[in-house]
Amino acid sequence: MDLKARIDPARVPAHVAIIMDGNGRWATRQGEHRVVGHTSGVKAVRDTLVGATEIGIRHLTLYAFSTENWNRPQAEVDALMDLLVRTLMSEVDSLNENGVRLNAIGDLESLPGDCHGTLREAMARTAHNDRITLTLALSYSARWELVRMARQLAREVGEGRLRAEDIDEAAVAAHLTTAGMPDPELLIRTSGEQRVSNYLLWQIAYAELYFSSVLWPDFRKEDLFEAVLDYQSRERRFGLISEQVNPR
């Protein structure tokens, strides 16, 4: 039985988040420049998106560029921004054909003008799709997001539009960049690294963590299926005990 056939469609996570790690190391092993690794990683995105759609995942969120990534060598940053623009321009028709809605979270205003404009256009052209939402985390960090949320809440309290005592988990969630999206149930990180790197810190409070040794350019939908099968083998208790979750 193949991997996809073993997946229980009734227990597929609605939202999977991925930290796409290992592009640079992959390129180094190939004797290539780091940018080649990022370019090769686009194929992994395509195949993973296809796999997610096949098994019924409704939200796929990819950590594409962190706020810390701006500190990388300028040539690499420029190449990444150019790659993003070219990829978005070439993929919109395919996204529409497959019912994919493109979304983005992060400090999008910090992106170069052509990149920001192309991203907004691609999002507008796919806004009507509803099979799966592909969210790119760009110029994103969870700490930036939490600071932004705190400032917004403080401003609303100061303006009298919100009472401090009414701030609860729902209010916080409503002011995050992921407002309206379900929290990720599964977080995957590739390349063997085992940390969350300032990614969706509030949202992954109860996510299952899965660390793959595969470098991102080599990641394929079969690797996603393995992660989902591992997820389905776990007991999600949310602070309860086994007998409460699975009463006999």
C-alpha atoms as a PDB file:
ATOM      1  CA  MET A   1       0.000   0.000   0.000  1.00  0.00           C
ATOM      2  CA  ASP A   2       1.439   3.392  -0.977  1.00  0.00           C
ATOM      3  CA  LEU A   3       1.824   6.207   1.520  1.00  0.00           C
ATOM      4  CA  LYS A   4      -1.156   8.242   0.335  1.00  0.00           C
ATOM      5  CA  ALA A   5      -3.476   5.245   0.522  1.00  0.00           C
ATOM      6  CA  ARG A   6      -2.526   4.734   4.185  1.00  0.00           C
ATOM      7  CA  ILE A   7      -3.630   8.246   5.184  1.00  0.00           C
ATOM      8  CA  ASP A   8      -6.971   8.496   6.985  1.00  0.00           C
ATOM      9  CA  PRO A   9      -8.819  11.270   5.107  1.00  0.00           C
ATOM     10  CA  ALA A  10     -10.937  11.986   8.188  1.00  0.00           C
ATOM     11  CA  ARG A  11      -7.853  12.930  10.230  1.00  0.00           C
ATOM     12  CA  VAL A  12      -5.848  14.996   7.771  1.00  0.00           C
ATOM     13  CA  PRO A  13      -4.619  18.223   9.435  1.00  0.00           C
ATOM     14  CA  ALA A  14      -6.517  21.221   8.134  1.00  0.00           C
ATOM     15  CA  HIS A  15      -3.417  23.407   8.349  1.00  0.00           C
ATOM     16  CA  VAL A  16       0.191  22.360   7.814  1.00  0.00           C
ATOM     17  CA  ALA A  17       3.049  24.828   8.286  1.00  0.00           C
ATOM     18  CA  ILE A  18       6.521  24.158   6.914  1.00  0.00           C
ATOM     19  CA  ILE A  19       9.941  25.641   7.610  1.00  0.00           C
ATOM     20  CA  MET A  20      11.709  25.107   4.287  1.00  0.00           C
ATOM     21  CA  ASP A  21      15.298  24.607   5.408  1.00  0.00           C
ATOM     22  CA  GLY A  22      18.409  23.311   3.684  1.00  0.00           C
ATOM     23  CA  ASN A  23      18.538  25.134   0.348  1.00  0.00           C
ATOM     24  CA  GLY A  24      22.032  26.487   0.963  1.00  0.00           C
ATOM     25  CA  ARG A  25      23.444  23.193   2.177  1.00  0.00           C
ATOM     26  CA  TRP A  26      21.877  21.379  -0.768  1.00  0.00           C
ATOM     27  CA  ALA A  27      23.577  23.791  -3.183  1.00  0.00           C
ATOM     28  CA  THR A  28      26.924  23.461  -1.411  1.00  0.00           C
ATOM     29  CA  ARG A  29      26.767  19.682  -1.708  1.00  0.00           C
ATOM     30  CA  GLN A  30      26.109  20.095  -5.426  1.00  0.00           C
ATOM     31  CA  GLY A  31      29.072  22.449  -5.748  1.00  0.00           C
ATOM     32  CA  GLU A  32      26.722  25.273  -6.649  1.00  0.00           C
ATOM     33  CA  HIS A  33      26.010  28.773  -5.366  1.00  0.00           C
ATOM     34  CA  ARG A  34      23.410  29.049  -2.584  1.00  0.00           C
ATOM     35  CA  VAL A  35      20.956  30.722  -4.958  1.00  0.00           C
ATOM     36  CA  VAL A  36      20.794  27.503  -6.998  1.00  0.00           C
ATOM     37  CA  GLY A  37      19.444  25.791  -3.912  1.00  0.00           C
ATOM     38  CA  HIS A  38      16.658  28.345  -3.597  1.00  0.00           C
ATOM     39  CA  THR A  39      15.795  27.938  -7.275  1.00  0.00           C
ATOM     40  CA  SER A  40      15.704  24.153  -6.890  1.00  0.00           C
ATOM     41  CA  GLY A  41      13.472  24.577  -3.846  1.00  0.00           C
ATOM     42  CA  VAL A  42      10.667  25.881  -6.075  1.00  0.00           C
ATOM     43  CA  LYS A  43      10.122  22.337  -7.408  1.00  0.00           C
ATOM     44  CA  ALA A  44       9.719  21.130  -3.824  1.00  0.00           C
ATOM     45  CA  VAL A  45       7.068  23.787  -3.238  1.00  0.00           C
ATOM     46  CA  ARG A  46       5.151  22.690  -6.334  1.00  0.00           C
ATOM     47  CA  ASP A  47       5.249  18.997  -5.447  1.00  0.00           C
ATOM     48  CA  THR A  48       4.362  19.580  -1.795  1.00  0.00           C
ATOM     49  CA  LEU A  49       1.428  21.774  -2.802  1.00  0.00           C
ATOM     50  CA  VAL A  50       0.184  19.059  -5.165  1.00  0.00           C
ATOM     51  CA  GLY A  51       0.459  16.474  -2.393  1.00  0.00           C
ATOM     52  CA  ALA A  52      -1.319  18.712   0.120  1.00  0.00           C
ATOM     53  CA  THR A  53      -4.177  19.234  -2.324  1.00  0.00           C
ATOM     54  CA  GLU A  54      -4.429  15.509  -3.068  1.00  0.00           C
ATOM     55  CA  ILE A  55      -4.990  14.559   0.580  1.00  0.00           C
ATOM     56  CA  GLY A  56      -7.310  17.419   1.488  1.00  0.00           C
ATOM     57  CA  ILE A  57      -5.112  19.827   3.437  1.00  0.00           C
ATOM     58  CA  ARG A  58      -6.924  23.182   3.390  1.00  0.00           C
ATOM     59  CA  HIS A  59      -4.091  25.490   4.451  1.00  0.00           C
ATOM     60  CA  LEU A  60      -0.387  25.190   3.642  1.00  0.00           C
ATOM     61  CA  THR A  61       1.849  27.904   5.107  1.00  0.00           C
ATOM     62  CA  LEU A  62       5.488  28.130   4.041  1.00  0.00           C
ATOM     63  CA  TYR A  63       8.241  30.085   5.801  1.00  0.00           C
ATOM     64  CA  ALA A  64       9.731  31.667   2.694  1.00  0.00           C
ATOM     65  CA  PHE A  65      11.717  34.626   4.064  1.00  0.00           C
ATOM     66  CA  SER A  66      12.206  35.736   7.662  1.00  0.00           C
ATOM     67  CA  THR A  67      12.927  39.229   8.911  1.00  0.00           C
ATOM     68  CA  GLU A  68      16.356  37.892   9.922  1.00  0.00           C
ATOM     69  CA  ASN A  69      17.012  36.851   6.313  1.00  0.00           C
ATOM     70  CA  TRP A  70      17.414  40.516   5.372  1.00  0.00           C
ATOM     71  CA  ASN A  71      20.826  40.267   7.055  1.00  0.00           C
ATOM     72  CA  ARG A  72      22.096  37.746   4.514  1.00  0.00           C
ATOM     73  CA  PRO A  73      24.532  38.870   1.781  1.00  0.00           C
ATOM     74  CA  GLN A  74      22.823  41.454  -0.424  1.00  0.00           C
ATOM     75  CA  ALA A  75      23.398  39.418  -3.579  1.00  0.00           C
ATOM     76  CA  GLU A  76      21.520  36.461  -2.092  1.00  0.00           C
ATOM     77  CA  VAL A  77      18.652  38.667  -0.878  1.00  0.00           C
ATOM     78  CA  ASP A  78      18.343  40.285  -4.313  1.00  0.00           C
ATOM     79  CA  ALA A  79      18.344  36.879  -5.983  1.00  0.00           C
ATOM     80  CA  LEU A  80      15.645  35.614  -3.611  1.00  0.00           C
ATOM     81  CA  MET A  81      13.406  38.601  -4.306  1.00  0.00           C
ATOM     82  CA  ASP A  82      13.922  38.186  -8.057  1.00  0.00           C
ATOM     83  CA  LEU A  83      13.141  34.474  -7.779  1.00  0.00           C
ATOM     84  CA  LEU A  84       9.944  35.245  -5.892  1.00  0.00           C
ATOM     85  CA  VAL A  85       8.763  37.686  -8.559  1.00  0.00           C
ATOM     86  CA  ARG A  86       9.571  35.338 -11.445  1.00  0.00           C
ATOM     87  CA  THR A  87       7.977  32.357  -9.734  1.00  0.00           C
ATOM     88  CA  LEU A  88       4.774  34.212  -8.891  1.00  0.00           C
ATOM     89  CA  MET A  89       4.452  35.524 -12.442  1.00  0.00           C
ATOM     90  CA  SER A  90       4.888  32.038 -13.918  1.00  0.00           C
ATOM     91  CA  GLU A  91       2.687  30.135 -11.465  1.00  0.00           C
ATOM     92  CA  VAL A  92      -0.547  32.141 -11.291  1.00  0.00           C
ATOM     93  CA  ASP A  93      -2.287  30.265 -14.106  1.00  0.00           C
ATOM     94  CA  SER A  94      -1.340  26.926 -12.540  1.00  0.00           C
ATOM     95  CA  LEU A  95      -2.610  28.077  -9.142  1.00  0.00           C
ATOM     96  CA  ASN A  96      -5.954  29.016 -10.676  1.00  0.00           C
ATOM     97  CA  GLU A  97      -6.216  25.718 -12.561  1.00  0.00           C
ATOM     98  CA  ASN A  98      -5.747  23.831  -9.302  1.00  0.00           C
ATOM     99  CA  GLY A  99      -7.988  25.946  -7.079  1.00  0.00           C
ATOM    100  CA  VAL A 100      -5.141  27.444  -5.033  1.00  0.00           C
ATOM    101  CA  ARG A 101      -5.656  30.782  -3.290  1.00  0.00           C
ATOM    102  CA  LEU A 102      -2.407  32.623  -2.686  1.00  0.00           C
ATOM    103  CA  ASN A 103      -1.996  34.497   0.587  1.00  0.00           C
ATOM    104  CA  ALA A 104       0.931  36.169   2.330  1.00  0.00           C
ATOM    105  CA  ILE A 105       1.756  37.186   5.890  1.00  0.00           C
ATOM    106  CA  GLY A 106       4.562  39.305   7.267  1.00  0.00           C
ATOM    107  CA  ASP A 107       5.884  42.830   6.918  1.00  0.00           C
ATOM    108  CA  LEU A 108       4.964  42.948   3.239  1.00  0.00           C
ATOM    109  CA  GLU A 109       5.553  46.700   3.013  1.00  0.00           C
ATOM    110  CA  SER A 110       9.269  46.037   3.507  1.00  0.00           C
ATOM    111  CA  LEU A 111       9.466  44.035   0.269  1.00  0.00           C
ATOM    112  CA  PRO A 112      10.926  45.747  -2.823  1.00  0.00           C
ATOM    113  CA  GLY A 113       8.304  47.567  -4.872  1.00  0.00           C
ATOM    114  CA  ASP A 114       8.225  45.176  -7.834  1.00  0.00           C
ATOM    115  CA  CYS A 115       8.085  42.175  -5.526  1.00  0.00           C
ATOM    116  CA  HIS A 116       5.304  43.646  -3.422  1.00  0.00           C
ATOM    117  CA  GLY A 117       3.310  44.638  -6.473  1.00  0.00           C
ATOM    118  CA  THR A 118       3.637  41.236  -8.134  1.00  0.00           C
ATOM    119  CA  LEU A 119       2.638  39.511  -4.913  1.00  0.00           C
ATOM    120  CA  ARG A 120      -0.477  41.656  -4.529  1.00  0.00           C
ATOM    121  CA  GLU A 121      -1.440  41.017  -8.151  1.00  0.00           C
ATOM    122  CA  ALA A 122      -1.027  37.247  -7.769  1.00  0.00           C
ATOM    123  CA  MET A 123      -3.097  37.272  -4.583  1.00  0.00           C
ATOM    124  CA  ALA A 124      -5.862  39.258  -6.277  1.00  0.00           C
ATOM    125  CA  ARG A 125      -5.906  36.948  -9.316  1.00  0.00           C
ATOM    126  CA  THR A 126      -6.292  33.822  -7.135  1.00  0.00           C
ATOM    127  CA  ALA A 127      -8.624  35.282  -4.502  1.00  0.00           C
ATOM    128  CA  HIS A 128     -11.651  33.389  -5.835  1.00  0.00           C
ATOM    129  CA  ASN A 129     -10.077  29.938  -5.379  1.00  0.00           C
ATOM    130  CA  ASP A 130     -11.162  27.820  -2.425  1.00  0.00           C
ATOM    131  CA  ARG A 131      -9.620  24.343  -2.700  1.00  0.00           C
ATOM    132  CA  ILE A 132      -6.501  25.169  -0.674  1.00  0.00           C
ATOM    133  CA  THR A 133      -4.866  28.356   0.625  1.00  0.00           C
ATOM    134  CA  LEU A 134      -1.125  28.644   0.093  1.00  0.00           C
ATOM    135  CA  THR A 135       0.288  31.240   2.486  1.00  0.00           C
ATOM    136  CA  LEU A 136       3.812  32.566   2.087  1.00  0.00           C
ATOM    137  CA  ALA A 137       5.432  33.980   5.227  1.00  0.00           C
ATOM    138  CA  LEU A 138       7.572  36.796   3.808  1.00  0.00           C
ATOM    139  CA  SER A 139       9.644  39.228   5.833  1.00  0.00           C
ATOM    140  CA  TYR A 140       7.976  37.479   8.739  1.00  0.00           C
ATOM    141  CA  SER A 141       8.910  36.743  12.321  1.00  0.00           C
ATOM    142  CA  ALA A 142       6.643  35.731  15.163  1.00  0.00           C
ATOM    143  CA  ARG A 143       8.131  38.310  17.526  1.00  0.00           C
ATOM    144  CA  TRP A 144       7.484  41.065  14.954  1.00  0.00           C
ATOM    145  CA  GLU A 145       3.917  39.788  14.659  1.00  0.00           C
ATOM    146  CA  LEU A 146       3.358  39.726  18.421  1.00  0.00           C
ATOM    147  CA  VAL A 147       4.741  43.247  18.839  1.00  0.00           C
ATOM    148  CA  ARG A 148       2.474  44.416  16.009  1.00  0.00           C
ATOM    149  CA  MET A 149      -0.509  42.752  17.688  1.00  0.00           C
ATOM    150  CA  ALA A 150       0.286  44.355  21.070  1.00  0.00           C
ATOM    151  CA  ARG A 151       0.550  47.798  19.503  1.00  0.00           C
ATOM    152  CA  GLN A 152      -2.781  47.393  17.727  1.00  0.00           C
ATOM    153  CA  LEU A 153      -4.546  46.297  20.910  1.00  0.00           C
ATOM    154  CA  ALA A 154      -2.944  49.123  22.898  1.00  0.00           C
ATOM    155  CA  ARG A 155      -4.056  51.619  20.273  1.00  0.00           C
ATOM    156  CA  GLU A 156      -7.642  50.347  20.377  1.00  0.00           C
ATOM    157  CA  VAL A 157      -7.685  50.538  24.177  1.00  0.00           C
ATOM    158  CA  GLY A 158      -6.239  54.048  24.086  1.00  0.00           C
ATOM    159  CA  GLU A 159      -8.881  55.144  21.590  1.00  0.00           C
ATOM    160  CA  GLY A 160     -11.642  53.670  23.721  1.00  0.00           C
ATOM    161  CA  ARG A 161     -12.650  51.062  21.128  1.00  0.00           C
ATOM    162  CA  LEU A 162     -11.660  48.149  23.353  1.00  0.00           C
ATOM    163  CA  ARG A 163     -11.540  47.568  27.102  1.00  0.00           C
ATOM    164  CA  ALA A 164      -8.355  46.061  28.501  1.00  0.00           C
ATOM    165  CA  GLU A 165     -10.353  43.485  30.440  1.00  0.00           C
ATOM    166  CA  ASP A 166     -11.898  42.272  27.171  1.00  0.00           C
ATOM    167  CA  ILE A 167      -8.549  41.221  25.730  1.00  0.00           C
ATOM    168  CA  ASP A 168      -8.558  37.433  25.610  1.00  0.00           C
ATOM    169  CA  GLU A 169      -7.073  34.719  23.404  1.00  0.00           C
ATOM    170  CA  ALA A 170      -9.663  35.362  20.716  1.00  0.00           C
ATOM    171  CA  ALA A 171      -8.820  39.074  20.654  1.00  0.00           C
ATOM    172  CA  VAL A 172      -5.127  38.312  20.329  1.00  0.00           C
ATOM    173  CA  ALA A 173      -5.728  35.810  17.521  1.00  0.00           C
ATOM    174  CA  ALA A 174      -7.913  38.314  15.681  1.00  0.00           C
ATOM    175  CA  HIS A 175      -5.018  40.770  15.565  1.00  0.00           C
ATOM    176  CA  LEU A 176      -2.430  38.345  14.221  1.00  0.00           C
ATOM    177  CA  THR A 177      -1.539  38.140  10.534  1.00  0.00           C
ATOM    178  CA  THR A 178      -3.176  34.709  10.448  1.00  0.00           C
ATOM    179  CA  ALA A 179      -6.588  35.999  11.590  1.00  0.00           C
ATOM    180  CA  GLY A 180      -9.321  33.861  10.088  1.00  0.00           C
ATOM    181  CA  MET A 181      -7.070  30.852   9.566  1.00  0.00           C
ATOM    182  CA  PRO A 182      -7.111  27.730  11.743  1.00  0.00           C
ATOM    183  CA  ASP A 183      -3.974  27.195  13.809  1.00  0.00           C
ATOM    184  CA  PRO A 184      -1.470  24.757  12.280  1.00  0.00           C
ATOM    185  CA  GLU A 185      -1.957  21.231  13.550  1.00  0.00           C
ATOM    186  CA  LEU A 186       1.319  20.028  12.061  1.00  0.00           C
ATOM    187  CA  LEU A 187       4.623  21.895  11.777  1.00  0.00           C
ATOM    188  CA  ILE A 188       7.282  20.360   9.539  1.00  0.00           C
ATOM    189  CA  ARG A 189      10.911  21.444   9.414  1.00  0.00           C
ATOM    190  CA  THR A 190      13.288  20.007   6.857  1.00  0.00           C
ATOM    191  CA  SER A 191      17.087  19.511   6.824  1.00  0.00           C
ATOM    192  CA  GLY A 192      17.366  17.882  10.250  1.00  0.00           C
ATOM    193  CA  GLU A 193      17.351  21.091  12.279  1.00  0.00           C
ATOM    194  CA  GLN A 194      15.112  20.900  15.346  1.00  0.00           C
ATOM    195  CA  ARG A 195      13.947  24.390  16.249  1.00  0.00           C
ATOM    196  CA  VAL A 196      11.035  26.625  15.314  1.00  0.00           C
ATOM    197  CA  SER A 197      13.073  29.720  14.392  1.00  0.00           C
ATOM    198  CA  ASN A 198      10.651  32.467  15.380  1.00  0.00           C
ATOM    199  CA  TYR A 199       7.834  31.011  13.265  1.00  0.00           C
ATOM    200  CA  LEU A 200       4.144  31.220  14.204  1.00  0.00           C
ATOM    201  CA  LEU A 201       4.954  31.034  17.912  1.00  0.00           C
ATOM    202  CA  TRP A 202       1.409  31.782  19.082  1.00  0.00           C
ATOM    203  CA  GLN A 203      -0.254  29.643  16.435  1.00  0.00           C
ATOM    204  CA  ILE A 204       1.776  26.450  16.964  1.00  0.00           C
ATOM    205  CA  ALA A 205       1.011  26.207  20.687  1.00  0.00           C
ATOM    206  CA  TYR A 206      -0.633  22.805  20.157  1.00  0.00           C
ATOM    207  CA  ALA A 207       0.888  21.789  16.828  1.00  0.00           C
ATOM    208  CA  GLU A 208       2.597  18.449  16.393  1.00  0.00           C
ATOM    209  CA  LEU A 209       6.246  18.945  15.420  1.00  0.00           C
ATOM    210  CA  TYR A 210       7.855  16.808  12.720  1.00  0.00           C
ATOM    211  CA  PHE A 211      11.526  17.106  11.802  1.00  0.00           C
ATOM    212  CA  SER A 212      12.674  15.661   8.491  1.00  0.00           C
ATOM    213  CA  SER A 213      16.316  15.049   7.581  1.00  0.00           C
ATOM    214  CA  VAL A 214      15.528  15.766   3.919  1.00  0.00           C
ATOM    215  CA  LEU A 215      16.960  19.010   2.561  1.00  0.00           C
ATOM    216  CA  TRP A 216      14.182  21.192   1.185  1.00  0.00           C
ATOM    217  CA  PRO A 217      15.067  20.942  -2.559  1.00  0.00           C
ATOM    218  CA  ASP A 218      14.723  17.148  -2.249  1.00  0.00           C
ATOM    219  CA  PHE A 219      11.410  17.272  -0.340  1.00  0.00           C
ATOM    220  CA  ARG A 220       8.503  15.733  -2.267  1.00  0.00           C
ATOM    221  CA  LYS A 221       4.870  14.945  -1.621  1.00  0.00           C
ATOM    222  CA  GLU A 222       5.840  11.476  -0.373  1.00  0.00           C
ATOM    223  CA  ASP A 223       7.801  13.176   2.408  1.00  0.00           C
ATOM    224  CA  LEU A 224       4.696  15.202   3.239  1.00  0.00           C
ATOM    225  CA  PHE A 225       2.638  12.006   3.322  1.00  0.00           C
ATOM    226  CA  GLU A 226       5.147  10.467   5.757  1.00  0.00           C
ATOM    227  CA  ALA A 227       4.800  13.505   8.021  1.00  0.00           C
ATOM    228  CA  VAL A 228       1.000  13.303   7.928  1.00  0.00           C
ATOM    229  CA  LEU A 229       1.084   9.573   8.711  1.00  0.00           C
ATOM    230  CA  ASP A 230       3.340  10.282  11.684  1.00  0.00           C
ATOM    231  CA  TYR A 231       0.902  13.008  12.779  1.00  0.00           C
ATOM    232  CA  GLN A 232      -1.982  10.551  12.572  1.00  0.00           C
ATOM    233  CA  SER A 233      -0.106   8.071  14.764  1.00  0.00           C
ATOM    234  CA  ARG A 234       0.008  10.540  17.654  1.00  0.00           C
ATOM    235  CA  GLU A 235      -2.556  11.100  20.380  1.00  0.00           C
ATOM    236  CA  ARG A 236      -3.538  14.750  20.581  1.00  0.00           C
ATOM    237  CA  ARG A 237      -4.616  15.375  24.171  1.00  0.00           C
ATOM    238  CA  PHE A 238      -4.624  19.177  24.561  1.00  0.00           C
ATOM    239  CA  GLY A 239      -3.829  18.909  28.266  1.00  0.00           C
ATOM    240  CA  LEU A 240      -6.200  16.024  28.918  1.00  0.00           C
ATOM    241  CA  ILE A 241      -5.284  12.423  29.684  1.00  0.00           C
ATOM    242  CA  SER A 242      -5.623   9.450  27.352  1.00  0.00           C
ATOM    243  CA  GLU A 243      -8.761   8.162  29.059  1.00  0.00           C
ATOM    244  CA  GLN A 244     -10.504  11.487  28.475  1.00  0.00           C
ATOM    245  CA  VAL A 245      -9.532  11.661  24.827  1.00  0.00           C
ATOM    246  CA  ASN A 246     -10.353   8.027  24.093  1.00  0.00           C
ATOM    247  CA  PRO A 247     -12.945   6.872  26.652  1.00  0.00           C
ATOM    248  CA  ARG A 248     -13.630   3.153  26.608  1.00  0.00           C
END
